[in-house]
Amino acid sequence: MIGFLRIVGVINAAVWFGATVFLTFFVGPAFFSESMLKLFGEAAGRFYAGAAAQIVLERYFYLQLGCSILALVHLVAECVYLGRPLIRWTLSLLGALLVLAAVGGYGLQPKLRTLHWQKYDPRVSVEIRQVAERSFRRWHGVSQVLNLVALAGVTVYLLRVTRPSDASRYRG
């Protein structure tokens, strides 16, 4: 059983880490590359690239939430099975990552989606579009910083799962 728990924990952490790195450094920038903007067309390229990125980000936050919940369940199952107390710093880290995913997915992304549509909507006055663009830049910056914080947290969690502090805890 402990072998199964260990494998589940490592796979979850690896998928979580890999998806976060891939989205942050490869997928996200690809949406606004020259190739993508050409594909969507000159006039509306940024609008469509941003709208497509929003769709991918929605699924990314579902993945973040799912991985953080699975990691919490894994931590509790590991402690119950091994009969030892919860490791508070790991519990705190996973709780913080769950909160970051929820804030990103249910707080920031809907706000960014609305601002994105406002800044490109031709029916909206130029002043409102400019305000939406400035606000979008600020909130997007906050989102990027929170994503990097989450990446750091997931990295720490991956290290924790792959390098257990107590080698004897995996005795059969």
Protein backbone atom coordinates (compact mmCIF):
# COMPACT_ATOMS: atom_id res chain seq x y z
CA MET A 1 0.00 0.00 0.00
CA ILE A 2 2.76 2.45 0.88
CA GLY A 3 4.37 1.83 -2.52
CA PHE A 4 1.09 2.70 -4.23
CA LEU A 5 0.73 5.87 -2.12
CA ARG A 6 4.27 6.91 -2.94
CA ILE A 7 3.74 6.39 -6.68
CA VAL A 8 0.46 8.36 -6.63
CA GLY A 9 2.15 11.22 -4.76
CA VAL A 10 5.15 11.38 -7.07
CA ILE A 11 3.07 11.15 -10.26
CA ASN A 12 0.68 13.85 -9.04
CA ALA A 13 3.55 16.17 -8.09
CA ALA A 14 5.37 15.51 -11.39
CA VAL A 15 2.26 16.18 -13.50
CA TRP A 16 1.52 19.32 -11.48
CA PHE A 17 5.09 20.61 -11.80
CA GLY A 18 5.37 19.71 -15.48
CA ALA A 19 2.08 21.34 -16.40
CA THR A 20 2.98 24.50 -14.50
CA VAL A 21 6.40 24.78 -16.16
CA PHE A 22 4.99 23.96 -19.59
CA LEU A 23 2.18 26.51 -19.38
CA THR A 24 4.32 29.25 -17.83
CA PHE A 25 7.32 29.06 -20.11
CA PHE A 26 6.05 27.52 -23.34
CA VAL A 27 2.28 27.58 -23.89
CA GLY A 28 1.56 31.05 -22.52
CA PRO A 29 4.24 32.82 -24.57
CA ALA A 30 3.26 30.83 -27.69
CA PHE A 31 -0.18 32.47 -27.75
CA PHE A 32 1.39 35.87 -28.33
CA SER A 33 4.22 34.80 -30.63
CA GLU A 34 4.53 36.28 -34.09
CA SER A 35 3.39 33.00 -35.64
CA MET A 36 0.22 32.86 -33.57
CA LEU A 37 -0.66 36.51 -34.20
CA LYS A 38 -0.21 35.95 -37.95
CA LEU A 39 -2.40 32.86 -37.77
CA PHE A 40 -5.22 34.85 -36.17
CA GLY A 41 -4.78 37.77 -38.59
CA GLU A 42 -3.33 41.23 -38.31
CA ALA A 43 -6.35 43.19 -37.15
CA ALA A 44 -7.77 40.90 -34.50
CA GLY A 45 -4.74 38.75 -33.70
CA ARG A 46 -4.24 39.92 -30.11
CA PHE A 47 -7.94 39.62 -29.29
CA TYR A 48 -8.19 36.02 -30.55
CA ALA A 49 -4.83 35.01 -29.04
CA GLY A 50 -5.97 36.37 -25.67
CA ALA A 51 -9.37 34.70 -25.95
CA ALA A 52 -7.74 31.36 -26.79
CA ALA A 53 -5.29 31.77 -23.90
CA GLN A 54 -8.25 32.34 -21.55
CA ILE A 55 -9.74 28.99 -22.57
CA VAL A 56 -6.46 27.18 -21.89
CA LEU A 57 -5.99 28.99 -18.57
CA GLU A 58 -9.44 27.91 -17.41
CA ARG A 59 -8.42 24.28 -17.84
CA TYR A 60 -5.03 24.97 -16.29
CA PHE A 61 -6.68 26.18 -13.10
CA TYR A 62 -8.85 23.05 -13.00
CA LEU A 63 -5.66 21.03 -13.20
CA GLN A 64 -4.10 23.14 -10.42
CA LEU A 65 -7.13 22.62 -8.20
CA GLY A 66 -7.28 18.90 -8.91
CA CYS A 67 -3.58 18.36 -8.23
CA SER A 68 -3.66 20.37 -5.00
CA ILE A 69 -6.72 18.47 -3.72
CA LEU A 70 -5.14 15.13 -4.67
CA ALA A 71 -1.92 16.17 -2.89
CA LEU A 72 -3.88 17.01 0.26
CA VAL A 73 -5.72 13.68 0.13
CA HIS A 74 -2.38 11.93 -0.46
CA LEU A 75 -0.81 13.66 2.55
CA VAL A 76 -3.70 12.68 4.83
CA ALA A 77 -3.75 9.10 3.50
CA GLU A 78 -0.02 8.78 4.01
CA CYS A 79 -0.27 9.99 7.61
CA VAL A 80 -3.27 7.77 8.39
CA TYR A 81 -1.66 4.70 6.84
CA LEU A 82 1.67 5.30 8.59
CA GLY A 83 0.01 6.35 11.85
CA ARG A 84 1.90 9.58 12.30
CA PRO A 85 0.86 13.22 12.63
CA LEU A 86 0.40 15.53 9.65
CA ILE A 87 3.48 17.48 8.65
CA ARG A 88 2.29 21.04 9.26
CA TRP A 89 4.57 22.83 6.81
CA THR A 90 3.54 20.48 3.99
CA LEU A 91 -0.11 20.88 4.92
CA SER A 92 0.35 24.67 4.96
CA LEU A 93 2.13 24.62 1.61
CA LEU A 94 -0.61 22.55 -0.01
CA GLY A 95 -3.30 24.71 1.54
CA ALA A 96 -1.60 27.82 0.16
CA LEU A 97 -1.32 26.24 -3.29
CA LEU A 98 -5.00 25.31 -3.20
CA VAL A 99 -5.90 28.89 -2.27
CA LEU A 100 -3.67 30.26 -5.06
CA ALA A 101 -5.36 27.99 -7.59
CA ALA A 102 -8.83 29.02 -6.39
CA VAL A 103 -7.95 32.73 -6.39
CA GLY A 104 -6.45 32.42 -9.86
CA GLY A 105 -9.25 30.35 -11.33
CA TYR A 106 -12.26 31.94 -9.68
CA GLY A 107 -11.00 35.44 -8.92
CA LEU A 108 -8.37 36.66 -11.33
CA GLN A 109 -9.26 34.79 -14.52
CA PRO A 110 -12.90 35.96 -14.69
CA LYS A 111 -11.71 39.53 -14.04
CA LEU A 112 -9.02 39.25 -16.73
CA ARG A 113 -11.53 37.74 -19.18
CA THR A 114 -13.93 40.66 -18.66
CA LEU A 115 -11.16 43.25 -19.01
CA HIS A 116 -9.83 41.51 -22.13
CA TRP A 117 -13.22 41.71 -23.81
CA GLN A 118 -13.69 45.34 -22.75
CA LYS A 119 -10.35 46.47 -24.14
CA TYR A 120 -11.18 45.07 -27.61
CA ASP A 121 -14.94 45.74 -27.76
CA PRO A 122 -15.60 48.35 -30.49
CA ARG A 123 -18.96 49.21 -28.89
CA VAL A 124 -17.19 50.50 -25.77
CA SER A 125 -15.85 54.06 -25.65
CA VAL A 126 -12.13 54.64 -26.19
CA GLU A 127 -11.76 55.87 -22.60
CA ILE A 128 -13.26 52.68 -21.15
CA ARG A 129 -11.07 50.56 -23.43
CA GLN A 130 -7.97 52.43 -22.23
CA VAL A 131 -8.95 52.02 -18.58
CA ALA A 132 -9.63 48.32 -19.21
CA GLU A 133 -6.22 47.92 -20.86
CA ARG A 134 -4.37 49.55 -17.93
CA SER A 135 -6.35 47.51 -15.43
CA PHE A 136 -5.75 44.33 -17.46
CA ARG A 137 -1.98 44.93 -17.43
CA ARG A 138 -1.96 45.37 -13.65
CA TRP A 139 -4.10 42.29 -12.94
CA HIS A 140 -2.17 40.25 -15.48
CA GLY A 141 1.03 41.20 -13.65
CA VAL A 142 -0.50 40.08 -10.36
CA SER A 143 -1.56 36.82 -12.03
CA GLN A 144 1.96 36.23 -13.36
CA VAL A 145 3.55 36.83 -9.96
CA LEU A 146 1.07 34.47 -8.27
CA ASN A 147 1.78 31.85 -10.94
CA LEU A 148 5.53 32.10 -10.24
CA VAL A 149 4.84 31.79 -6.50
CA ALA A 150 2.73 28.70 -7.23
CA LEU A 151 5.52 27.29 -9.40
CA ALA A 152 7.98 27.75 -6.53
CA GLY A 153 5.55 26.06 -4.14
CA VAL A 154 4.93 23.14 -6.48
CA THR A 155 8.70 22.75 -6.90
CA VAL A 156 9.13 22.55 -3.12
CA TYR A 157 6.29 20.03 -2.92
CA LEU A 158 7.82 17.90 -5.69
CA LEU A 159 11.11 17.86 -3.80
CA ARG A 160 9.29 16.88 -0.60
CA VAL A 161 7.50 13.99 -2.26
CA THR A 162 10.56 12.67 -4.09
CA ARG A 163 12.96 13.12 -1.16
CA PRO A 164 11.17 12.01 1.96
CA SER A 165 12.68 13.46 5.14
CA ASP A 166 12.12 10.25 7.08
CA ALA A 167 13.58 7.32 5.13
CA SER A 168 12.05 4.80 7.53
CA ARG A 169 8.48 5.85 6.74
CA TYR A 170 8.44 3.70 3.61
CA ARG A 171 9.20 0.43 5.33
CA GLY A 172 6.78 -2.27 4.26
